[in-house]
Amino acid sequence: MTDDPSSYGSNLNMERYRAHYGQMCRIREFEKAAITAAQNKLVLGAIHPSIGQEAVAVGVCGNLRRDDIILSTHRGHGHTMAKGADPLAMMRELFGRAGGYSQGKGGSMHIADFEVGMLGANGVVGANINIAAGAAHAIKLRGEDRVVVCFFGDGAINRGPFLEGLNWAGVFRLPILFVCEDNGFAATTRTHAMTSGGGPAARAEAMGIAADTVDGNDLVAIDEMARDLIDEARQGRPRFLLARTYRLTGHTSADTAPYRSEEEVELRWLNDPITNMRRILEAAGVPGTQLTAMAEAAKSEMKRAYEAAAATDWPSRELAYADVQDIGDPRERAF
């Protein structure tokens, strides 16, 4: 992040970055509401907040079209909202209620909204990488003008699907952008303690995929770089973006993160991407009152989503086995 917010100058697209700022605020408030819901026992299962990583989701997804596709992770609320998903349907899904994206049966780690190109979050680390490669290959075979963005964390680069997915994308020149959100931790273990070699970008380049690195807390830098990389990927040149950011909460809403010091986290809060973007906008002439109003509007919106989800009925019993595949049961041919 630049030390001088005014260095971005008067050429900053005010309307675009005010909207981006508002979107980051919406994601932050959704995450805070989700954490509160988990604490109040309204959510059964884990919540993985992306507080501190909002700039990556907004900066990348802000350059996608509605029919473009994203694949996300267990920490996927931000990506999903940035792609255009409905926070009320998301909240209902977290609460296990009717009207959720999977009628309450998928929960936080399995939200998908095909209408906005969100092909799905994934609770298995790295599993979304191969799915993304498959989606990109389908786009290529159909001759469509679309692109796939696959988000994953730094921990995923140590799993097999990373090698398989990047190799497939490189061999077949697929329209895909791989985005590695390096937040410094793979769950509760520091990245550098479990990753050999030059890290994510070096591994991508070893697979023949050009890689770039960006400050994941600088929304303007991410937005500009993602725009160029997505354009290239759309032309069948797979690209890799390493966004260095920081997870300001624990791994889950229940994780108090005793593996890092309070001083470390306090220092990282000084580089909060939402605060950074506010400084840039104010330096460029946007009144602070407008930005405060946007933040308050986001808070009110997510409060309404929380309350509406909590007041929603549970799914009907008739839906218990809906959407469950019952064809090809191996037991029929076992004997």
C-alpha atoms as a PDB file:
ATOM      1  CA  MET A   1       0.000   0.000   0.000  1.00  0.00           C
ATOM      2  CA  THR A   2       1.359   3.437  -0.927  1.00  0.00           C
ATOM      3  CA  ASP A   3       2.406   5.618   2.011  1.00  0.00           C
ATOM      4  CA  ASP A   4       0.858   8.644   0.286  1.00  0.00           C
ATOM      5  CA  PRO A   5      -2.823   8.125  -0.667  1.00  0.00           C
ATOM      6  CA  SER A   6      -2.798  11.338  -2.707  1.00  0.00           C
ATOM      7  CA  SER A   7      -0.193   9.828  -5.043  1.00  0.00           C
ATOM      8  CA  TYR A   8      -3.021   8.126  -6.945  1.00  0.00           C
ATOM      9  CA  GLY A   9      -3.901  11.582  -8.241  1.00  0.00           C
ATOM     10  CA  SER A  10      -7.060  13.090  -9.659  1.00  0.00           C
ATOM     11  CA  ASN A  11      -7.302  10.499 -12.443  1.00  0.00           C
ATOM     12  CA  LEU A  12      -8.828   8.031  -9.989  1.00  0.00           C
ATOM     13  CA  ASN A  13     -12.210   6.776 -11.233  1.00  0.00           C
ATOM     14  CA  MET A  14     -14.244   8.100  -8.307  1.00  0.00           C
ATOM     15  CA  GLU A  15     -17.501   6.378  -9.153  1.00  0.00           C
ATOM     16  CA  ARG A  16     -15.804   3.014  -9.631  1.00  0.00           C
ATOM     17  CA  TYR A  17     -13.778   3.112  -6.441  1.00  0.00           C
ATOM     18  CA  ARG A  18     -16.582   4.495  -4.309  1.00  0.00           C
ATOM     19  CA  ALA A  19     -18.644   1.502  -5.458  1.00  0.00           C
ATOM     20  CA  HIS A  20     -15.722  -0.819  -4.676  1.00  0.00           C
ATOM     21  CA  TYR A  21     -15.411   0.750  -1.233  1.00  0.00           C
ATOM     22  CA  GLY A  22     -19.105   0.165  -0.608  1.00  0.00           C
ATOM     23  CA  GLN A  23     -18.794  -3.451  -1.712  1.00  0.00           C
ATOM     24  CA  MET A  24     -15.903  -4.056   0.680  1.00  0.00           C
ATOM     25  CA  CYS A  25     -17.973  -2.566   3.499  1.00  0.00           C
ATOM     26  CA  ARG A  26     -20.874  -4.874   2.615  1.00  0.00           C
ATOM     27  CA  ILE A  27     -18.594  -7.928   2.726  1.00  0.00           C
ATOM     28  CA  ARG A  28     -17.066  -6.834   6.045  1.00  0.00           C
ATOM     29  CA  GLU A  29     -20.490  -6.333   7.620  1.00  0.00           C
ATOM     30  CA  PHE A  30     -21.747  -9.675   6.298  1.00  0.00           C
ATOM     31  CA  GLU A  31     -18.774 -11.418   7.891  1.00  0.00           C
ATOM     32  CA  LYS A  32     -19.319  -9.635  11.198  1.00  0.00           C
ATOM     33  CA  ALA A  33     -22.990 -10.606  11.165  1.00  0.00           C
ATOM     34  CA  ALA A  34     -22.061 -14.215  10.352  1.00  0.00           C
ATOM     35  CA  ILE A  35     -19.623 -14.325  13.277  1.00  0.00           C
ATOM     36  CA  THR A  36     -22.340 -12.972  15.595  1.00  0.00           C
ATOM     37  CA  ALA A  37     -24.742 -15.608  14.277  1.00  0.00           C
ATOM     38  CA  ALA A  38     -22.235 -18.366  15.004  1.00  0.00           C
ATOM     39  CA  GLN A  39     -21.712 -17.021  18.528  1.00  0.00           C
ATOM     40  CA  ASN A  40     -25.496 -16.978  19.026  1.00  0.00           C
ATOM     41  CA  LYS A  41     -25.757 -20.625  17.882  1.00  0.00           C
ATOM     42  CA  LEU A  42     -27.752 -19.697  14.782  1.00  0.00           C
ATOM     43  CA  VAL A  43     -25.124 -21.339  12.578  1.00  0.00           C
ATOM     44  CA  LEU A  44     -24.306 -25.023  12.869  1.00  0.00           C
ATOM     45  CA  GLY A  45     -20.878 -25.636  11.410  1.00  0.00           C
ATOM     46  CA  ALA A  46     -17.792 -23.558  10.790  1.00  0.00           C
ATOM     47  CA  ILE A  47     -17.637 -19.953   9.620  1.00  0.00           C
ATOM     48  CA  HIS A  48     -14.369 -18.884   7.966  1.00  0.00           C
ATOM     49  CA  PRO A  49     -14.309 -15.061   7.888  1.00  0.00           C
ATOM     50  CA  SER A  50     -12.436 -13.151   5.198  1.00  0.00           C
ATOM     51  CA  ILE A  51     -12.074  -9.977   7.249  1.00  0.00           C
ATOM     52  CA  GLY A  52      -8.950  -8.238   5.997  1.00  0.00           C
ATOM     53  CA  GLN A  53      -9.062  -9.865   2.557  1.00  0.00           C
ATOM     54  CA  GLU A  54     -11.967  -7.940   1.028  1.00  0.00           C
ATOM     55  CA  ALA A  55      -9.849  -6.019  -1.483  1.00  0.00           C
ATOM     56  CA  VAL A  56      -8.863  -9.190  -3.328  1.00  0.00           C
ATOM     57  CA  ALA A  57     -12.445 -10.323  -3.863  1.00  0.00           C
ATOM     58  CA  VAL A  58     -13.696  -6.903  -4.910  1.00  0.00           C
ATOM     59  CA  GLY A  59     -10.688  -5.941  -7.013  1.00  0.00           C
ATOM     60  CA  VAL A  60     -10.788  -9.162  -9.017  1.00  0.00           C
ATOM     61  CA  CYS A  61     -14.537  -9.718  -9.344  1.00  0.00           C
ATOM     62  CA  GLY A  62     -15.055  -6.071 -10.222  1.00  0.00           C
ATOM     63  CA  ASN A  63     -13.433  -6.859 -13.577  1.00  0.00           C
ATOM     64  CA  LEU A  64     -15.651  -9.826 -14.407  1.00  0.00           C
ATOM     65  CA  ARG A  65     -18.855 -10.012 -16.397  1.00  0.00           C
ATOM     66  CA  ARG A  66     -21.974 -11.657 -15.018  1.00  0.00           C
ATOM     67  CA  ASP A  67     -21.506 -14.733 -17.258  1.00  0.00           C
ATOM     68  CA  ASP A  68     -17.878 -15.208 -16.212  1.00  0.00           C
ATOM     69  CA  ILE A  69     -17.283 -17.928 -13.632  1.00  0.00           C
ATOM     70  CA  ILE A  70     -15.618 -18.012 -10.243  1.00  0.00           C
ATOM     71  CA  LEU A  71     -14.709 -20.921  -7.961  1.00  0.00           C
ATOM     72  CA  SER A  72     -14.154 -20.256  -4.278  1.00  0.00           C
ATOM     73  CA  THR A  73     -12.971 -21.846  -1.055  1.00  0.00           C
ATOM     74  CA  HIS A  74     -14.135 -22.465   2.508  1.00  0.00           C
ATOM     75  CA  ARG A  75     -13.400 -18.724   3.008  1.00  0.00           C
ATOM     76  CA  GLY A  76     -15.706 -17.696   0.199  1.00  0.00           C
ATOM     77  CA  HIS A  77     -18.312 -15.214   1.433  1.00  0.00           C
ATOM     78  CA  GLY A  78     -16.407 -12.239   0.022  1.00  0.00           C
ATOM     79  CA  HIS A  79     -15.901 -13.756  -3.427  1.00  0.00           C
ATOM     80  CA  THR A  80     -19.552 -14.802  -3.589  1.00  0.00           C
ATOM     81  CA  MET A  81     -20.893 -11.363  -2.691  1.00  0.00           C
ATOM     82  CA  ALA A  82     -18.412  -9.594  -4.966  1.00  0.00           C
ATOM     83  CA  LYS A  83     -19.728 -11.697  -7.868  1.00  0.00           C
ATOM     84  CA  GLY A  84     -23.257 -10.505  -7.172  1.00  0.00           C
ATOM     85  CA  ALA A  85     -24.876 -13.071  -4.878  1.00  0.00           C
ATOM     86  CA  ASP A  86     -27.770 -12.107  -2.602  1.00  0.00           C
ATOM     87  CA  PRO A  87     -26.630 -11.689   1.037  1.00  0.00           C
ATOM     88  CA  LEU A  88     -30.062 -12.686   2.361  1.00  0.00           C
ATOM     89  CA  ALA A  89     -29.992 -15.999   0.474  1.00  0.00           C
ATOM     90  CA  MET A  90     -26.430 -16.480   1.752  1.00  0.00           C
ATOM     91  CA  MET A  91     -27.421 -15.728   5.339  1.00  0.00           C
ATOM     92  CA  ARG A  92     -30.373 -18.107   5.120  1.00  0.00           C
ATOM     93  CA  GLU A  93     -28.000 -20.775   3.846  1.00  0.00           C
ATOM     94  CA  LEU A  94     -25.687 -20.211   6.810  1.00  0.00           C
ATOM     95  CA  PHE A  95     -28.661 -20.503   9.166  1.00  0.00           C
ATOM     96  CA  GLY A  96     -29.909 -23.686   7.476  1.00  0.00           C
ATOM     97  CA  ARG A  97     -33.187 -22.045   6.527  1.00  0.00           C
ATOM     98  CA  ALA A  98     -35.566 -22.211   3.576  1.00  0.00           C
ATOM     99  CA  GLY A  99     -34.662 -19.805   0.798  1.00  0.00           C
ATOM    100  CA  GLY A 100     -30.943 -20.414   1.220  1.00  0.00           C
ATOM    101  CA  TYR A 101     -28.935 -21.134  -1.907  1.00  0.00           C
ATOM    102  CA  SER A 102     -29.101 -24.869  -1.210  1.00  0.00           C
ATOM    103  CA  GLN A 103     -32.275 -24.682   0.876  1.00  0.00           C
ATOM    104  CA  GLY A 104     -30.113 -24.636   3.971  1.00  0.00           C
ATOM    105  CA  LYS A 105     -28.444 -27.989   3.289  1.00  0.00           C
ATOM    106  CA  GLY A 106     -25.026 -26.755   2.160  1.00  0.00           C
ATOM    107  CA  GLY A 107     -24.062 -24.134   4.686  1.00  0.00           C
ATOM    108  CA  SER A 108     -21.223 -21.629   4.599  1.00  0.00           C
ATOM    109  CA  MET A 109     -18.710 -23.735   2.689  1.00  0.00           C
ATOM    110  CA  HIS A 110     -21.006 -24.843  -0.137  1.00  0.00           C
ATOM    111  CA  ILE A 111     -22.684 -21.703  -1.431  1.00  0.00           C
ATOM    112  CA  ALA A 112     -23.228 -21.545  -5.190  1.00  0.00           C
ATOM    113  CA  ASP A 113     -25.199 -19.184  -7.406  1.00  0.00           C
ATOM    114  CA  PHE A 114     -25.073 -20.178 -11.059  1.00  0.00           C
ATOM    115  CA  GLU A 115     -27.151 -17.122 -12.007  1.00  0.00           C
ATOM    116  CA  VAL A 116     -24.222 -14.829 -11.227  1.00  0.00           C
ATOM    117  CA  GLY A 117     -21.493 -17.247 -12.313  1.00  0.00           C
ATOM    118  CA  MET A 118     -20.552 -18.444  -8.832  1.00  0.00           C
ATOM    119  CA  LEU A 119     -19.952 -22.140  -9.539  1.00  0.00           C
ATOM    120  CA  GLY A 120     -19.429 -22.978  -5.893  1.00  0.00           C
ATOM    121  CA  ALA A 121     -17.413 -22.667  -2.718  1.00  0.00           C
ATOM    122  CA  ASN A 122     -15.540 -25.769  -1.602  1.00  0.00           C
ATOM    123  CA  GLY A 123     -14.684 -27.125   1.824  1.00  0.00           C
ATOM    124  CA  VAL A 124     -11.856 -29.312   0.492  1.00  0.00           C
ATOM    125  CA  VAL A 125      -8.634 -27.322   0.233  1.00  0.00           C
ATOM    126  CA  GLY A 126      -7.514 -27.116  -3.397  1.00  0.00           C
ATOM    127  CA  ALA A 127     -10.383 -29.186  -4.812  1.00  0.00           C
ATOM    128  CA  ASN A 128     -11.844 -26.166  -6.585  1.00  0.00           C
ATOM    129  CA  ILE A 129      -8.705 -25.802  -8.733  1.00  0.00           C
ATOM    130  CA  ASN A 130      -9.455 -28.854 -10.851  1.00  0.00           C
ATOM    131  CA  ILE A 131     -13.132 -27.959 -11.088  1.00  0.00           C
ATOM    132  CA  ALA A 132     -12.113 -24.518 -12.338  1.00  0.00           C
ATOM    133  CA  ALA A 133      -9.819 -26.060 -14.944  1.00  0.00           C
ATOM    134  CA  GLY A 134     -12.696 -28.266 -16.091  1.00  0.00           C
ATOM    135  CA  ALA A 135     -15.025 -25.270 -16.383  1.00  0.00           C
ATOM    136  CA  ALA A 136     -12.406 -23.339 -18.358  1.00  0.00           C
ATOM    137  CA  HIS A 137     -11.878 -26.304 -20.668  1.00  0.00           C
ATOM    138  CA  ALA A 138     -15.628 -26.485 -21.311  1.00  0.00           C
ATOM    139  CA  ILE A 139     -15.632 -22.778 -22.204  1.00  0.00           C
ATOM    140  CA  LYS A 140     -12.794 -23.346 -24.651  1.00  0.00           C
ATOM    141  CA  LEU A 141     -14.456 -26.360 -26.279  1.00  0.00           C
ATOM    142  CA  ARG A 142     -17.666 -24.369 -26.749  1.00  0.00           C
ATOM    143  CA  GLY A 143     -15.828 -21.380 -28.176  1.00  0.00           C
ATOM    144  CA  GLU A 144     -17.376 -19.029 -25.605  1.00  0.00           C
ATOM    145  CA  ASP A 145     -16.049 -15.592 -24.734  1.00  0.00           C
ATOM    146  CA  ARG A 146     -15.904 -16.202 -20.994  1.00  0.00           C
ATOM    147  CA  VAL A 147     -13.241 -16.549 -18.352  1.00  0.00           C
ATOM    148  CA  VAL A 148     -12.856 -18.506 -15.092  1.00  0.00           C
ATOM    149  CA  VAL A 149     -11.297 -17.135 -11.921  1.00  0.00           C
ATOM    150  CA  CYS A 150     -10.257 -19.638  -9.271  1.00  0.00           C
ATOM    151  CA  PHE A 151      -9.568 -18.345  -5.748  1.00  0.00           C
ATOM    152  CA  PHE A 152      -7.570 -20.407  -3.266  1.00  0.00           C
ATOM    153  CA  GLY A 153      -5.283 -19.885  -0.291  1.00  0.00           C
ATOM    154  CA  ASP A 154      -1.559 -20.353   0.077  1.00  0.00           C
ATOM    155  CA  GLY A 155      -2.109 -23.688   1.826  1.00  0.00           C
ATOM    156  CA  ALA A 156      -3.650 -25.131  -1.359  1.00  0.00           C
ATOM    157  CA  ILE A 157      -0.369 -24.940  -3.267  1.00  0.00           C
ATOM    158  CA  ASN A 158       0.926 -27.878  -1.221  1.00  0.00           C
ATOM    159  CA  ARG A 159      -1.855 -30.175  -2.391  1.00  0.00           C
ATOM    160  CA  GLY A 160      -2.068 -32.316  -5.515  1.00  0.00           C
ATOM    161  CA  PRO A 161      -4.904 -30.459  -7.296  1.00  0.00           C
ATOM    162  CA  PHE A 162      -2.664 -27.392  -7.582  1.00  0.00           C
ATOM    163  CA  LEU A 163      -0.194 -29.302  -9.752  1.00  0.00           C
ATOM    164  CA  GLU A 164      -2.926 -31.048 -11.724  1.00  0.00           C
ATOM    165  CA  GLY A 165      -5.064 -27.969 -12.347  1.00  0.00           C
ATOM    166  CA  LEU A 166      -2.252 -25.625 -13.344  1.00  0.00           C
ATOM    167  CA  ASN A 167      -0.682 -28.273 -15.551  1.00  0.00           C
ATOM    168  CA  TRP A 168      -3.998 -28.842 -17.355  1.00  0.00           C
ATOM    169  CA  ALA A 169      -4.520 -25.107 -17.809  1.00  0.00           C
ATOM    170  CA  GLY A 170      -1.012 -24.683 -19.165  1.00  0.00           C
ATOM    171  CA  VAL A 171      -1.141 -27.615 -21.571  1.00  0.00           C
ATOM    172  CA  PHE A 172      -4.503 -26.636 -23.074  1.00  0.00           C
ATOM    173  CA  ARG A 173      -4.086 -22.845 -22.789  1.00  0.00           C
ATOM    174  CA  LEU A 174      -7.310 -22.387 -20.886  1.00  0.00           C
ATOM    175  CA  PRO A 175      -9.119 -19.069 -20.221  1.00  0.00           C
ATOM    176  CA  ILE A 176      -8.440 -19.025 -16.498  1.00  0.00           C
ATOM    177  CA  LEU A 177      -6.935 -16.755 -13.867  1.00  0.00           C
ATOM    178  CA  PHE A 178      -5.653 -18.455 -10.725  1.00  0.00           C
ATOM    179  CA  VAL A 179      -5.764 -16.140  -7.700  1.00  0.00           C
ATOM    180  CA  CYS A 180      -3.777 -17.214  -4.656  1.00  0.00           C
ATOM    181  CA  GLU A 181      -4.760 -15.265  -1.540  1.00  0.00           C
ATOM    182  CA  ASP A 182      -1.645 -15.548   0.586  1.00  0.00           C
ATOM    183  CA  ASN A 183      -2.847 -14.459   4.025  1.00  0.00           C
ATOM    184  CA  GLY A 184       0.228 -15.801   5.776  1.00  0.00           C
ATOM    185  CA  PHE A 185      -1.446 -18.829   7.322  1.00  0.00           C
ATOM    186  CA  ALA A 186      -2.605 -22.251   6.203  1.00  0.00           C
ATOM    187  CA  ALA A 187      -5.311 -22.647   8.846  1.00  0.00           C
ATOM    188  CA  THR A 188      -3.236 -22.169  12.036  1.00  0.00           C
ATOM    189  CA  THR A 189       0.247 -22.753  10.622  1.00  0.00           C
ATOM    190  CA  ARG A 190       2.409 -20.018   9.149  1.00  0.00           C
ATOM    191  CA  THR A 191       2.884 -20.461   5.430  1.00  0.00           C
ATOM    192  CA  HIS A 192       6.667 -20.247   5.442  1.00  0.00           C
ATOM    193  CA  ALA A 193       6.880 -23.095   7.965  1.00  0.00           C
ATOM    194  CA  MET A 194       5.280 -25.598   5.602  1.00  0.00           C
ATOM    195  CA  THR A 195       6.115 -24.435   2.080  1.00  0.00           C
ATOM    196  CA  SER A 196       9.392 -25.314   0.416  1.00  0.00           C
ATOM    197  CA  GLY A 197      10.975 -23.409  -2.424  1.00  0.00           C
ATOM    198  CA  GLY A 198      10.081 -20.060  -3.906  1.00  0.00           C
ATOM    199  CA  GLY A 199       6.391 -20.152  -3.035  1.00  0.00           C
ATOM    200  CA  PRO A 200       3.165 -19.855  -5.062  1.00  0.00           C
ATOM    201  CA  ALA A 201       4.338 -17.634  -7.930  1.00  0.00           C
ATOM    202  CA  ALA A 202       7.505 -19.674  -8.491  1.00  0.00           C
ATOM    203  CA  ARG A 203       5.505 -22.886  -8.622  1.00  0.00           C
ATOM    204  CA  ALA A 204       3.080 -21.389 -11.164  1.00  0.00           C
ATOM    205  CA  GLU A 205       5.934 -20.262 -13.377  1.00  0.00           C
ATOM    206  CA  ALA A 206       7.466 -23.723 -13.140  1.00  0.00           C
ATOM    207  CA  MET A 207       4.223 -24.940 -14.754  1.00  0.00           C
ATOM    208  CA  GLY A 208       4.683 -22.469 -17.596  1.00  0.00           C
ATOM    209  CA  ILE A 209       2.060 -20.018 -16.319  1.00  0.00           C
ATOM    210  CA  ALA A 210       3.104 -16.378 -16.041  1.00  0.00           C
ATOM    211  CA  ALA A 211       2.707 -15.074 -12.488  1.00  0.00           C
ATOM    212  CA  ASP A 212       2.338 -11.609 -10.978  1.00  0.00           C
ATOM    213  CA  THR A 213       2.381 -10.481  -7.355  1.00  0.00           C
ATOM    214  CA  VAL A 214       0.293  -7.670  -5.891  1.00  0.00           C
ATOM    215  CA  ASP A 215      -0.329  -6.033  -2.523  1.00  0.00           C
ATOM    216  CA  GLY A 216      -3.585  -7.721  -1.562  1.00  0.00           C
ATOM    217  CA  ASN A 217      -4.552  -4.806   0.691  1.00  0.00           C
ATOM    218  CA  ASP A 218      -4.295  -2.204  -2.095  1.00  0.00           C
ATOM    219  CA  LEU A 219      -7.631  -2.249  -3.917  1.00  0.00           C
ATOM    220  CA  VAL A 220      -6.511   0.080  -6.711  1.00  0.00           C
ATOM    221  CA  ALA A 221      -3.437  -2.025  -7.482  1.00  0.00           C
ATOM    222  CA  ILE A 222      -5.474  -5.253  -7.497  1.00  0.00           C
ATOM    223  CA  ASP A 223      -8.193  -3.741  -9.671  1.00  0.00           C
ATOM    224  CA  GLU A 224      -5.734  -2.515 -12.287  1.00  0.00           C
ATOM    225  CA  MET A 225      -3.687  -5.713 -12.360  1.00  0.00           C
ATOM    226  CA  ALA A 226      -6.720  -8.013 -12.397  1.00  0.00           C
ATOM    227  CA  ARG A 227      -8.187  -6.095 -15.345  1.00  0.00           C
ATOM    228  CA  ASP A 228      -5.118  -6.817 -17.474  1.00  0.00           C
ATOM    229  CA  LEU A 229      -4.729 -10.423 -16.353  1.00  0.00           C
ATOM    230  CA  ILE A 230      -8.402 -11.233 -16.937  1.00  0.00           C
ATOM    231  CA  ASP A 231      -8.159  -9.774 -20.443  1.00  0.00           C
ATOM    232  CA  GLU A 232      -5.186 -12.030 -21.150  1.00  0.00           C
ATOM    233  CA  ALA A 233      -6.850 -15.100 -19.665  1.00  0.00           C
ATOM    234  CA  ARG A 234      -9.930 -14.467 -21.785  1.00  0.00           C
ATOM    235  CA  GLN A 235      -7.693 -14.832 -24.843  1.00  0.00           C
ATOM    236  CA  GLY A 236      -6.570 -18.291 -23.747  1.00  0.00           C
ATOM    237  CA  ARG A 237      -3.434 -17.271 -21.875  1.00  0.00           C
ATOM    238  CA  PRO A 238      -3.776 -18.693 -18.341  1.00  0.00           C
ATOM    239  CA  ARG A 239      -2.389 -16.379 -15.685  1.00  0.00           C
ATOM    240  CA  PHE A 240      -1.561 -16.520 -11.989  1.00  0.00           C
ATOM    241  CA  LEU A 241      -1.996 -13.716  -9.460  1.00  0.00           C
ATOM    242  CA  LEU A 242      -0.434 -13.887  -6.010  1.00  0.00           C
ATOM    243  CA  ALA A 243      -2.152 -11.424  -3.662  1.00  0.00           C
ATOM    244  CA  ARG A 244      -0.311 -10.952  -0.378  1.00  0.00           C
ATOM    245  CA  THR A 245      -2.833 -10.046   2.309  1.00  0.00           C
ATOM    246  CA  TYR A 246      -3.598 -10.910   5.933  1.00  0.00           C
ATOM    247  CA  ARG A 247      -6.429 -12.638   7.765  1.00  0.00           C
ATOM    248  CA  LEU A 248      -7.380 -10.298  10.609  1.00  0.00           C
ATOM    249  CA  THR A 249      -9.450 -12.936  12.423  1.00  0.00           C
ATOM    250  CA  GLY A 250      -8.722 -16.508  13.377  1.00  0.00           C
ATOM    251  CA  HIS A 251      -9.094 -19.372  10.917  1.00  0.00           C
ATOM    252  CA  THR A 252     -12.744 -19.793  11.985  1.00  0.00           C
ATOM    253  CA  SER A 253     -15.143 -17.678  14.008  1.00  0.00           C
ATOM    254  CA  ALA A 254     -14.303 -19.853  17.027  1.00  0.00           C
ATOM    255  CA  ASP A 255     -10.520 -19.561  16.584  1.00  0.00           C
ATOM    256  CA  THR A 256      -8.957 -17.035  18.978  1.00  0.00           C
ATOM    257  CA  ALA A 257      -5.624 -17.374  17.095  1.00  0.00           C
ATOM    258  CA  PRO A 258      -3.288 -17.966  20.058  1.00  0.00           C
ATOM    259  CA  TYR A 259      -0.555 -18.832  17.544  1.00  0.00           C
ATOM    260  CA  ARG A 260       0.099 -15.129  16.872  1.00  0.00           C
ATOM    261  CA  SER A 261       0.619 -12.142  19.130  1.00  0.00           C
ATOM    262  CA  GLU A 262      -1.863  -9.335  19.759  1.00  0.00           C
ATOM    263  CA  GLU A 263       0.844  -6.874  18.712  1.00  0.00           C
ATOM    264  CA  GLU A 264       1.138  -8.553  15.313  1.00  0.00           C
ATOM    265  CA  VAL A 265      -2.598  -8.328  14.672  1.00  0.00           C
ATOM    266  CA  GLU A 266      -2.797  -4.713  15.887  1.00  0.00           C
ATOM    267  CA  LEU A 267      -0.030  -3.782  13.472  1.00  0.00           C
ATOM    268  CA  ARG A 268      -1.823  -5.516  10.620  1.00  0.00           C
ATOM    269  CA  TRP A 269      -5.041  -3.652  11.382  1.00  0.00           C
ATOM    270  CA  LEU A 270      -3.156  -0.478  10.437  1.00  0.00           C
ATOM    271  CA  ASN A 271      -3.050  -1.867   6.891  1.00  0.00           C
ATOM    272  CA  ASP A 272      -6.756  -2.743   6.756  1.00  0.00           C
ATOM    273  CA  PRO A 273      -7.794  -2.571   3.070  1.00  0.00           C
ATOM    274  CA  ILE A 274     -11.062  -0.757   3.809  1.00  0.00           C
ATOM    275  CA  THR A 275      -9.280   1.925   5.825  1.00  0.00           C
ATOM    276  CA  ASN A 276      -6.661   2.192   3.080  1.00  0.00           C
ATOM    277  CA  MET A 277      -9.320   2.732   0.412  1.00  0.00           C
ATOM    278  CA  ARG A 278     -11.055   5.347   2.527  1.00  0.00           C
ATOM    279  CA  ARG A 279      -7.804   7.292   2.849  1.00  0.00           C
ATOM    280  CA  ILE A 280      -7.317   7.192  -0.927  1.00  0.00           C
ATOM    281  CA  LEU A 281     -10.867   8.390  -1.634  1.00  0.00           C
ATOM    282  CA  GLU A 282     -10.721  11.172   0.938  1.00  0.00           C
ATOM    283  CA  ALA A 283      -7.360  12.316  -0.450  1.00  0.00           C
ATOM    284  CA  ALA A 284      -8.968  12.389  -3.895  1.00  0.00           C
ATOM    285  CA  GLY A 285     -11.780  14.616  -2.666  1.00  0.00           C
ATOM    286  CA  VAL A 286     -14.601  12.294  -1.638  1.00  0.00           C
ATOM    287  CA  PRO A 287     -16.259  13.662   1.531  1.00  0.00           C
ATOM    288  CA  GLY A 288     -15.768  11.460   4.560  1.00  0.00           C
ATOM    289  CA  THR A 289     -19.452  11.848   5.395  1.00  0.00           C
ATOM    290  CA  GLN A 290     -20.368  10.045   2.167  1.00  0.00           C
ATOM    291  CA  LEU A 291     -18.042   7.163   2.971  1.00  0.00           C
ATOM    292  CA  THR A 292     -19.367   6.921   6.526  1.00  0.00           C
ATOM    293  CA  ALA A 293     -22.912   6.815   5.158  1.00  0.00           C
ATOM    294  CA  MET A 294     -21.935   3.971   2.810  1.00  0.00           C
ATOM    295  CA  ALA A 295     -20.426   2.010   5.690  1.00  0.00           C
ATOM    296  CA  GLU A 296     -23.544   2.555   7.806  1.00  0.00           C
ATOM    297  CA  ALA A 297     -25.786   1.497   4.908  1.00  0.00           C
ATOM    298  CA  ALA A 298     -23.806  -1.729   4.597  1.00  0.00           C
ATOM    299  CA  LYS A 299     -24.195  -2.366   8.323  1.00  0.00           C
ATOM    300  CA  SER A 300     -27.955  -1.793   8.150  1.00  0.00           C
ATOM    301  CA  GLU A 301     -28.310  -4.042   5.106  1.00  0.00           C
ATOM    302  CA  MET A 302     -26.587  -6.960   6.800  1.00  0.00           C
ATOM    303  CA  LYS A 303     -28.500  -6.414  10.034  1.00  0.00           C
ATOM    304  CA  ARG A 304     -31.721  -6.759   8.041  1.00  0.00           C
ATOM    305  CA  ALA A 305     -30.401  -9.910   6.334  1.00  0.00           C
ATOM    306  CA  TYR A 306     -29.486 -11.386   9.727  1.00  0.00           C
ATOM    307  CA  GLU A 307     -32.898 -10.660  11.211  1.00  0.00           C
ATOM    308  CA  ALA A 308     -34.788 -11.877   8.143  1.00  0.00           C
ATOM    309  CA  ALA A 309     -32.786 -15.107   8.019  1.00  0.00           C
ATOM    310  CA  ALA A 310     -33.359 -15.755  11.725  1.00  0.00           C
ATOM    311  CA  ALA A 311     -37.097 -15.286  11.191  1.00  0.00           C
ATOM    312  CA  THR A 312     -37.237 -17.618   8.180  1.00  0.00           C
ATOM    313  CA  ASP A 313     -38.791 -21.061   8.519  1.00  0.00           C
ATOM    314  CA  TRP A 314     -36.788 -24.250   8.412  1.00  0.00           C
ATOM    315  CA  PRO A 315     -36.931 -26.166   5.099  1.00  0.00           C
ATOM    316  CA  SER A 316     -39.878 -28.543   4.792  1.00  0.00           C
ATOM    317  CA  ARG A 317     -39.266 -32.224   5.467  1.00  0.00           C
ATOM    318  CA  GLU A 318     -40.141 -33.007   1.845  1.00  0.00           C
ATOM    319  CA  LEU A 319     -36.899 -31.332   0.765  1.00  0.00           C
ATOM    320  CA  ALA A 320     -34.693 -33.597   2.887  1.00  0.00           C
ATOM    321  CA  TYR A 321     -33.826 -35.921   0.010  1.00  0.00           C
ATOM    322  CA  ALA A 322     -34.300 -33.464  -2.852  1.00  0.00           C
ATOM    323  CA  ASP A 323     -31.191 -32.947  -5.015  1.00  0.00           C
ATOM    324  CA  VAL A 324     -29.623 -36.173  -3.684  1.00  0.00           C
ATOM    325  CA  GLN A 325     -28.330 -38.376  -6.477  1.00  0.00           C
ATOM    326  CA  ASP A 326     -29.818 -41.846  -6.270  1.00  0.00           C
ATOM    327  CA  ILE A 327     -28.799 -43.230  -9.662  1.00  0.00           C
ATOM    328  CA  GLY A 328     -25.995 -45.676 -10.124  1.00  0.00           C
ATOM    329  CA  ASP A 329     -26.032 -46.987  -6.583  1.00  0.00           C
ATOM    330  CA  PRO A 330     -22.953 -49.314  -6.479  1.00  0.00           C
ATOM    331  CA  ARG A 331     -24.723 -51.669  -4.107  1.00  0.00           C
ATOM    332  CA  GLU A 332     -26.975 -52.805  -6.954  1.00  0.00           C
ATOM    333  CA  ARG A 333     -23.982 -54.255  -8.760  1.00  0.00           C
ATOM    334  CA  ALA A 334     -21.903 -55.275  -5.781  1.00  0.00           C
ATOM    335  CA  PHE A 335     -22.933 -58.926  -5.761  1.00  0.00           C
END
